[in-house]
């Protein structure tokens, strides 16, 4: 049996506050009296609320995601590069989407297009061949 997802509006209702107030509290964009904070925190705990990161990202207008396109993850250089990129992204509040092209030029183009449609906020792209002009487009 699937458990119904707890919504921000459920937390607001239980805390006796507006959805906007709870949202602003969750996004650290409002200072509230301790009694109000306690009501919100109690409602979050009671309902076992887990925020919707996709909704938060959409409301902020950013994906908080970076794309990393590599030609070969089995090469120790690229594996180390992926590890360092993920660690740096995490330290700055970003997640990382890893795409492996297996040295296939068509996959390079497809991944760049796909990452663009995902609205990643940045792209780290590596290849081991010169661009014939197709990637630049």
Protein backbone atom coordinates (compact mmCIF):
# COMPACT_ATOMS: atom_id res chain seq x y z
CA UNK A 1 0.00 0.00 0.00
CA UNK A 2 1.46 3.37 -1.03
CA UNK A 3 1.70 6.08 1.54
CA UNK A 4 0.21 9.46 0.50
CA UNK A 5 2.91 12.06 -0.04
CA UNK A 6 2.80 14.78 2.61
CA UNK A 7 2.57 18.22 1.02
CA UNK A 8 3.77 21.59 2.22
CA UNK A 9 0.12 22.57 2.54
CA UNK A 10 -0.36 19.71 5.02
CA UNK A 11 2.45 21.07 7.17
CA UNK A 12 1.03 24.59 6.96
CA UNK A 13 -2.44 23.39 7.91
CA UNK A 14 -1.21 21.43 10.92
CA UNK A 15 0.97 24.35 12.06
CA UNK A 16 -1.92 26.78 11.58
CA UNK A 17 0.04 28.93 9.14
CA UNK A 18 -0.10 29.88 5.50
CA UNK A 19 1.67 27.76 2.93
CA UNK A 20 3.71 30.84 1.96
CA UNK A 21 5.00 31.28 5.52
CA UNK A 22 6.06 27.65 5.79
CA UNK A 23 7.66 27.79 2.35
CA UNK A 24 9.64 30.90 3.21
CA UNK A 25 10.75 29.29 6.48
CA UNK A 26 11.89 26.15 4.63
CA UNK A 27 13.86 28.29 2.18
CA UNK A 28 15.47 30.37 4.95
CA UNK A 29 13.98 33.56 3.57
CA UNK A 30 12.05 34.66 6.67
CA UNK A 31 12.79 35.19 10.34
CA UNK A 32 10.01 33.93 12.59
CA UNK A 33 9.37 33.94 16.32
CA UNK A 34 10.62 30.81 18.06
CA UNK A 35 7.05 29.75 18.90
CA UNK A 36 6.17 29.76 15.19
CA UNK A 37 9.34 27.87 14.28
CA UNK A 38 8.46 25.28 16.93
CA UNK A 39 4.98 24.81 15.43
CA UNK A 40 6.44 24.32 11.95
CA UNK A 41 9.11 21.91 13.16
CA UNK A 42 6.55 19.93 15.18
CA UNK A 43 4.28 19.62 12.13
CA UNK A 44 7.22 18.53 9.95
CA UNK A 45 8.17 15.86 12.48
CA UNK A 46 4.62 14.65 13.09
CA UNK A 47 3.86 14.33 9.38
CA UNK A 48 7.35 13.07 8.46
CA UNK A 49 7.46 15.77 5.78
CA UNK A 50 10.15 15.55 3.13
CA UNK A 51 10.46 18.53 0.83
CA UNK A 52 10.02 18.25 -2.90
CA UNK A 53 13.39 19.27 -4.31
CA UNK A 54 12.04 19.41 -7.86
CA UNK A 55 9.34 21.90 -6.86
CA UNK A 56 11.89 23.96 -4.93
CA UNK A 57 14.24 24.02 -7.89
CA UNK A 58 11.47 25.06 -10.25
CA UNK A 59 10.32 27.86 -7.94
CA UNK A 60 13.90 29.17 -7.67
CA UNK A 61 14.35 28.99 -11.44
CA UNK A 62 17.39 26.73 -11.35
CA UNK A 63 18.11 23.03 -11.41
CA UNK A 64 21.02 23.02 -8.92
CA UNK A 65 22.45 20.40 -11.28
CA UNK A 66 25.57 20.24 -13.41
CA UNK A 67 26.21 17.92 -16.33
CA UNK A 68 29.47 16.06 -16.77
CA UNK A 69 30.13 14.42 -20.13
CA UNK A 70 33.11 12.07 -20.30
CA UNK A 71 34.38 9.83 -23.10
CA UNK A 72 35.50 6.89 -20.93
CA UNK A 73 34.92 6.28 -17.22
CA UNK A 74 37.25 3.25 -17.19
CA UNK A 75 40.23 5.53 -17.84
CA UNK A 76 41.65 6.44 -14.40
CA UNK A 77 42.12 10.08 -15.47
CA UNK A 78 38.43 10.51 -16.26
CA UNK A 79 37.35 8.56 -13.16
CA UNK A 80 39.42 10.90 -10.99
CA UNK A 81 38.03 13.90 -12.86
CA UNK A 82 34.46 12.68 -12.22
CA UNK A 83 35.20 12.17 -8.52
CA UNK A 84 36.69 15.67 -8.16
CA UNK A 85 33.83 17.27 -10.09
CA UNK A 86 31.21 15.54 -7.94
CA UNK A 87 32.93 16.58 -4.73
CA UNK A 88 33.23 20.21 -5.84
CA UNK A 89 29.61 20.26 -7.03
CA UNK A 90 28.37 18.83 -3.72
CA UNK A 91 30.39 21.37 -1.72
CA UNK A 92 28.57 24.14 -3.60
CA UNK A 93 25.07 22.65 -3.28
CA UNK A 94 24.86 21.07 -6.72
CA UNK A 95 24.18 17.56 -7.89
CA UNK A 96 26.00 16.08 -10.85
CA UNK A 97 24.61 14.13 -13.80
CA UNK A 98 27.24 11.89 -15.37
CA UNK A 99 27.05 10.98 -19.07
CA UNK A 100 29.51 8.52 -20.63
CA UNK A 101 29.89 8.77 -24.42
CA UNK A 102 32.23 5.80 -24.98
CA UNK A 103 34.04 7.98 -27.53
CA UNK A 104 30.93 8.10 -29.71
CA UNK A 105 30.54 11.53 -31.40
CA UNK A 106 26.79 10.98 -31.85
CA UNK A 107 26.40 10.32 -28.11
CA UNK A 108 28.32 13.52 -27.35
CA UNK A 109 25.79 15.55 -29.32
CA UNK A 110 22.82 13.67 -27.86
CA UNK A 111 23.99 14.14 -24.28
CA UNK A 112 24.62 17.85 -24.78
CA UNK A 113 21.11 18.25 -26.22
CA UNK A 114 19.55 16.17 -23.43
CA UNK A 115 21.37 18.07 -20.68
CA UNK A 116 20.20 21.32 -22.25
CA UNK A 117 16.58 20.15 -22.05
CA UNK A 118 17.16 19.23 -18.38
CA UNK A 119 18.19 22.84 -17.82
CA UNK A 120 21.43 22.01 -16.06
CA UNK A 121 23.12 25.12 -14.73
CA UNK A 122 26.52 24.19 -16.06
CA UNK A 123 28.22 21.69 -18.31
CA UNK A 124 31.61 20.08 -17.92
CA UNK A 125 32.43 18.49 -21.24
CA UNK A 126 35.49 16.47 -22.18
CA UNK A 127 36.31 14.68 -25.39
CA UNK A 128 39.46 13.15 -26.78
CA UNK A 129 39.02 14.35 -30.35
CA UNK A 130 38.95 17.78 -32.02
CA UNK A 131 35.55 19.32 -32.71
CA UNK A 132 34.51 19.14 -36.35
CA UNK A 133 32.07 22.04 -35.76
CA UNK A 134 29.11 19.84 -34.83
CA UNK A 135 29.52 20.21 -31.06
CA UNK A 136 29.86 23.96 -31.23
CA UNK A 137 26.39 24.21 -32.81
